């Protein structure tokens, strides 16, 4: 019986420590990743903006649905494994160079923008994604910082994009 009590105390202490450390971490963060692909800018632009095809090449997206053009530009909702429905609005659209999306649900434990910049380079394109994010829940903030890493979602996205083109994504900061 004592081992059950001790286990419960240790578990409660660990959870309390995670909450305290998470609460001390900043809510906002900015992270950037980039990859060079042997694809023209137009092909990359087509891939990242044709949301109907995301489930075919993005490993974590189960399905996508269009959102109404509330800000005049519209957007889409991604149904992501482990995260559920994530609605994204388009805040900037400059083909084939720049796309900015914003998570439009303030009730999610995270939010922010992704800025996609596509630059034509010799032999292809440089794709840079910058996340200006916010993690509202202190437990999720701890997990995203120390377990998954703040750039984990971008890394997977860029790897999936590379796989779509039959390329290996060599991540850069």
Protein backbone atom coordinates (compact mmCIF):
# COMPACT_ATOMS: atom_id res chain seq x y z
CA UNK A 1 0.00 0.00 0.00
CA UNK A 2 2.89 2.36 0.73
CA UNK A 3 4.28 1.90 -2.79
CA UNK A 4 0.97 3.06 -4.25
CA UNK A 5 1.09 6.22 -2.14
CA UNK A 6 4.74 6.85 -3.02
CA UNK A 7 4.06 6.30 -6.71
CA UNK A 8 1.12 8.71 -6.58
CA UNK A 9 3.25 11.35 -4.82
CA UNK A 10 6.08 10.99 -7.35
CA UNK A 11 3.63 11.16 -10.25
CA UNK A 12 1.90 14.25 -8.79
CA UNK A 13 5.31 15.88 -8.25
CA UNK A 14 6.35 15.19 -11.83
CA UNK A 15 3.12 16.67 -13.19
CA UNK A 16 3.51 19.72 -10.93
CA UNK A 17 7.10 20.18 -12.14
CA UNK A 18 5.97 20.00 -15.79
CA UNK A 19 3.26 22.60 -15.13
CA UNK A 20 5.65 24.94 -13.29
CA UNK A 21 8.40 24.71 -15.93
CA UNK A 22 5.82 25.10 -18.71
CA UNK A 23 4.36 28.17 -17.03
CA UNK A 24 7.83 29.74 -16.85
CA UNK A 25 8.49 29.25 -20.57
CA UNK A 26 7.47 32.08 -22.93
CA UNK A 27 4.13 31.61 -24.69
CA UNK A 28 5.40 33.08 -27.95
CA UNK A 29 8.17 31.70 -30.12
CA UNK A 30 9.64 32.14 -33.58
CA UNK A 31 11.33 29.28 -35.41
CA UNK A 32 12.48 28.99 -39.01
CA UNK A 33 13.41 26.06 -41.23
CA UNK A 34 14.43 25.98 -44.88
CA UNK A 35 15.04 23.35 -47.56
CA UNK A 36 16.41 23.54 -51.10
CA UNK A 37 14.42 21.54 -53.65
CA UNK A 38 15.22 20.78 -57.29
CA UNK A 39 11.82 22.14 -58.30
CA UNK A 40 10.77 25.44 -59.87
CA UNK A 41 8.99 27.92 -57.62
CA UNK A 42 5.71 27.41 -59.48
CA UNK A 43 5.71 23.66 -58.72
CA UNK A 44 6.41 24.27 -55.04
CA UNK A 45 3.72 26.96 -54.89
CA UNK A 46 1.21 24.58 -56.50
CA UNK A 47 2.02 21.87 -53.95
CA UNK A 48 1.71 24.08 -50.86
CA UNK A 49 -1.47 25.85 -51.97
CA UNK A 50 -3.47 22.97 -53.46
CA UNK A 51 -4.94 21.91 -50.11
CA UNK A 52 -7.23 19.33 -51.73
CA UNK A 53 -4.12 17.23 -52.38
CA UNK A 54 -2.54 17.57 -48.89
CA UNK A 55 -3.81 14.18 -47.69
CA UNK A 56 -1.97 12.58 -50.62
CA UNK A 57 1.49 13.84 -49.60
CA UNK A 58 1.33 15.06 -46.00
CA UNK A 59 1.83 12.16 -43.64
CA UNK A 60 -0.19 13.64 -40.76
CA UNK A 61 -3.17 15.11 -42.65
CA UNK A 62 -6.20 12.83 -42.84
CA UNK A 63 -8.49 15.19 -44.75
CA UNK A 64 -9.01 18.85 -45.60
CA UNK A 65 -12.11 21.01 -46.00
CA UNK A 66 -12.38 24.52 -47.46
CA UNK A 67 -13.29 27.43 -45.20
CA UNK A 68 -15.40 30.41 -46.29
CA UNK A 69 -13.64 33.58 -47.36
CA UNK A 70 -14.21 35.48 -44.11
CA UNK A 71 -11.28 37.82 -44.68
CA UNK A 72 -11.66 37.82 -48.45
CA UNK A 73 -9.00 35.14 -48.94
CA UNK A 74 -10.53 32.02 -47.40
CA UNK A 75 -8.59 29.12 -46.08
CA UNK A 76 -8.97 25.48 -45.13
CA UNK A 77 -9.26 23.21 -42.12
CA UNK A 78 -6.81 20.34 -41.77
CA UNK A 79 -7.74 17.22 -39.85
CA UNK A 80 -4.40 16.23 -38.37
CA UNK A 81 -3.58 12.95 -36.66
CA UNK A 82 -3.21 13.58 -32.93
CA UNK A 83 -4.30 17.22 -33.11
CA UNK A 84 -7.80 17.15 -34.62
CA UNK A 85 -9.23 19.99 -36.68
CA UNK A 86 -6.96 22.96 -37.30
CA UNK A 87 -8.60 25.82 -39.23
CA UNK A 88 -6.21 27.99 -41.22
CA UNK A 89 -6.98 31.37 -42.76
CA UNK A 90 -4.90 32.96 -45.50
CA UNK A 91 -3.61 36.38 -44.48
CA UNK A 92 -1.18 36.95 -47.36
CA UNK A 93 -1.07 35.45 -50.86
CA UNK A 94 1.70 36.46 -53.28
CA UNK A 95 2.13 33.69 -55.89
CA UNK A 96 4.59 32.04 -56.29
CA UNK A 97 6.69 33.67 -53.58
CA UNK A 98 4.89 34.15 -50.28
CA UNK A 99 1.99 32.64 -48.36
CA UNK A 100 1.01 33.45 -44.79
CA UNK A 101 -1.50 31.30 -42.94
CA UNK A 102 -3.00 31.86 -39.50
CA UNK A 103 -4.62 29.38 -37.12
CA UNK A 104 -8.05 30.96 -36.69
CA UNK A 105 -9.36 28.97 -33.70
CA UNK A 106 -8.43 30.79 -30.45
CA UNK A 107 -9.62 27.80 -28.39
CA UNK A 108 -6.79 25.52 -29.51
CA UNK A 109 -3.86 25.13 -27.07
CA UNK A 110 -1.60 26.63 -29.77
CA UNK A 111 -1.86 29.28 -32.46
CA UNK A 112 0.07 31.60 -34.69
CA UNK A 113 1.19 31.98 -38.29
CA UNK A 114 3.29 30.14 -40.83
CA UNK A 115 5.03 32.29 -43.42
CA UNK A 116 6.12 30.35 -46.50
CA UNK A 117 8.76 32.06 -48.63
CA UNK A 118 9.74 30.49 -51.94
CA UNK A 119 12.86 31.86 -53.59
CA UNK A 120 14.07 30.80 -57.01
CA UNK A 121 17.68 29.63 -56.83
CA UNK A 122 19.99 28.02 -59.35
CA UNK A 123 18.67 24.51 -59.97
CA UNK A 124 15.39 24.92 -58.08
CA UNK A 125 13.84 26.70 -55.11
CA UNK A 126 14.63 27.57 -51.53
CA UNK A 127 11.56 27.09 -49.33
CA UNK A 128 11.64 28.80 -45.95
CA UNK A 129 8.91 28.46 -43.34
CA UNK A 130 8.81 30.78 -40.34
CA UNK A 131 6.45 30.00 -37.48
CA UNK A 132 5.42 32.85 -35.22
CA UNK A 133 3.64 30.69 -32.71
CA UNK A 134 1.97 30.74 -29.37
CA UNK A 135 1.53 27.80 -27.04
CA UNK A 136 -1.18 28.72 -24.53
CA UNK A 137 -1.28 25.62 -22.32
CA UNK A 138 1.76 25.27 -19.99
CA UNK A 139 1.80 21.47 -20.21
CA UNK A 140 1.68 21.58 -24.00
CA UNK A 141 4.37 24.31 -23.92
CA UNK A 142 6.66 22.01 -21.89
CA UNK A 143 6.02 19.06 -24.22
CA UNK A 144 6.48 21.10 -27.40
CA UNK A 145 9.71 22.62 -26.13
CA UNK A 146 11.44 19.66 -24.48
CA UNK A 147 9.92 16.53 -26.04
CA UNK A 148 8.81 17.25 -29.62
CA UNK A 149 10.79 20.42 -30.33
CA UNK A 150 9.26 23.68 -31.53
CA UNK A 151 10.16 22.94 -35.15
CA UNK A 152 8.92 19.32 -35.31
CA UNK A 153 5.80 20.10 -37.35
CA UNK A 154 7.74 22.23 -39.85
CA UNK A 155 10.41 19.55 -40.17
CA UNK A 156 7.82 16.90 -40.98
CA UNK A 157 6.04 19.21 -43.43
CA UNK A 158 9.28 19.94 -45.31
CA UNK A 159 10.26 16.25 -45.35
CA UNK A 160 6.82 15.34 -46.69
CA UNK A 161 7.10 18.04 -49.35
CA UNK A 162 10.47 16.67 -50.38
CA UNK A 163 9.04 13.13 -50.56
CA UNK A 164 6.24 14.45 -52.79
CA UNK A 165 8.94 15.57 -55.23
CA UNK A 166 11.01 12.41 -54.76
CA UNK A 167 13.70 14.34 -52.88
CA UNK A 168 15.29 14.16 -49.45
CA UNK A 169 14.79 17.32 -47.41
CA UNK A 170 18.06 18.60 -45.92
CA UNK A 171 16.82 20.97 -43.24
CA UNK A 172 18.48 24.34 -42.69
CA UNK A 173 17.81 26.99 -40.07
